[in-house]
Protein backbone atom coordinates (compact mmCIF):
# COMPACT_ATOMS: atom_id res chain seq x y z
CA MET A 1 -88.51 86.27 -90.21
CA LEU A 2 -88.04 88.53 -87.22
CA ASP A 3 -90.67 90.62 -85.47
CA LYS A 4 -90.13 94.25 -84.39
CA LYS A 5 -88.25 93.11 -81.27
CA ARG A 6 -85.91 90.98 -83.44
CA HIS A 7 -87.46 87.69 -82.25
CA LEU A 8 -88.17 84.86 -84.64
CA LYS A 9 -91.79 84.77 -85.76
CA ALA A 10 -93.77 81.58 -85.29
CA HIS A 11 -93.82 79.31 -88.31
CA THR A 12 -97.38 79.29 -89.66
CA ASP A 13 -96.80 78.18 -93.23
CA ASN A 14 -98.75 75.06 -94.19
CA LEU A 15 -96.73 74.37 -97.33
CA LYS A 16 -94.20 71.56 -97.44
CA ALA A 17 -90.61 72.76 -97.74
CA THR A 18 -90.47 71.20 -101.25
CA GLU A 19 -93.48 73.29 -102.31
CA LYS A 20 -91.81 76.64 -101.71
CA GLN A 21 -88.53 78.35 -102.46
CA VAL A 22 -86.80 81.15 -100.61
CA GLY A 23 -84.91 83.68 -102.73
CA GLY A 24 -86.24 83.27 -106.25
CA ASP A 25 -88.04 80.73 -108.37
CA HIS A 26 -85.22 79.27 -110.48
CA TYR A 27 -85.84 75.76 -109.07
CA LYS A 28 -89.66 75.90 -108.87
CA SER A 29 -89.96 76.06 -112.67
CA LEU A 30 -88.10 72.76 -113.16
CA LYS A 31 -89.90 69.47 -113.82
CA VAL A 32 -87.96 67.85 -110.96
CA GLN A 33 -86.56 69.95 -108.12
CA PRO A 34 -82.82 69.44 -107.57
CA ILE A 35 -83.31 68.36 -103.93
CA GLU A 36 -85.73 65.63 -105.01
CA PHE A 37 -83.30 64.41 -107.68
CA ILE A 38 -80.34 64.56 -105.27
CA GLN A 39 -82.13 62.71 -102.48
CA GLY A 40 -83.81 60.23 -104.82
CA ASN A 41 -80.49 59.23 -106.35
CA GLY A 42 -78.47 59.13 -103.13
CA LEU A 43 -76.02 61.82 -104.19
CA ASP A 44 -73.56 63.21 -101.67
CA PHE A 45 -73.03 66.89 -100.78
CA ILE A 46 -70.54 67.63 -103.56
CA GLU A 47 -72.51 65.78 -106.25
CA GLY A 48 -75.66 67.52 -105.08
CA ASN A 49 -74.08 70.95 -105.39
CA ILE A 50 -72.97 70.17 -108.94
CA VAL A 51 -76.57 69.23 -109.82
CA LYS A 52 -77.87 72.35 -108.05
CA TYR A 53 -75.58 74.71 -109.97
CA ILE A 54 -76.26 73.00 -113.30
CA CYS A 55 -79.99 73.56 -112.72
CA ARG A 56 -79.47 77.29 -112.08
CA LYS A 57 -78.75 78.07 -115.74
CA ASP A 58 -81.76 80.37 -115.99
CA LYS A 59 -81.27 82.24 -112.71
CA ILE A 60 -81.61 85.93 -113.43
CA GLY A 61 -78.59 88.01 -112.50
CA GLU A 62 -76.18 85.09 -112.10
CA CYS A 63 -73.04 85.29 -114.21
CA PRO A 64 -72.71 82.16 -116.39
CA HIS A 65 -68.91 82.18 -115.96
CA GLU A 66 -69.26 82.22 -112.17
CA ARG A 67 -71.80 79.39 -112.32
CA TRP A 68 -69.45 77.24 -114.42
CA ASN A 69 -66.54 78.10 -112.11
CA LYS A 70 -68.62 76.85 -109.16
CA ILE A 71 -69.44 73.61 -111.01
CA ILE A 72 -65.77 73.09 -111.86
CA HIS A 73 -64.73 73.89 -108.27
CA TYR A 74 -67.13 71.29 -106.85
CA ALA A 75 -65.87 68.72 -109.38
CA GLN A 76 -62.30 69.48 -108.28
CA LEU A 77 -63.34 69.09 -104.63
CA GLY A 78 -64.90 65.73 -105.49
CA LYS A 79 -61.65 64.54 -107.08
CA GLU A 80 -59.61 65.82 -104.14
CA PHE A 81 -61.77 63.98 -101.60
CA LEU A 82 -61.42 60.70 -103.50
CA ASP A 83 -57.92 60.45 -102.08
CA LYS A 84 -58.95 61.05 -98.45
């Protein structure tokens, strides 16, 4: 957050980063947060994004077709990087 002079405000939040969510609550309602699953299972960036987008199925205002296109795109990226 910025103050009136456009400077960053001091961080005074006592919550852990895993206890809050910025920009909605579509992950907070899950039994296991995607970041905890991703980290706990040693998934890489691409695999983690696939998990993240799968978990967003109930995000209000997100087009299901766009969500599936993102999942497919990350899967294609994963296949492409296998050869590098």
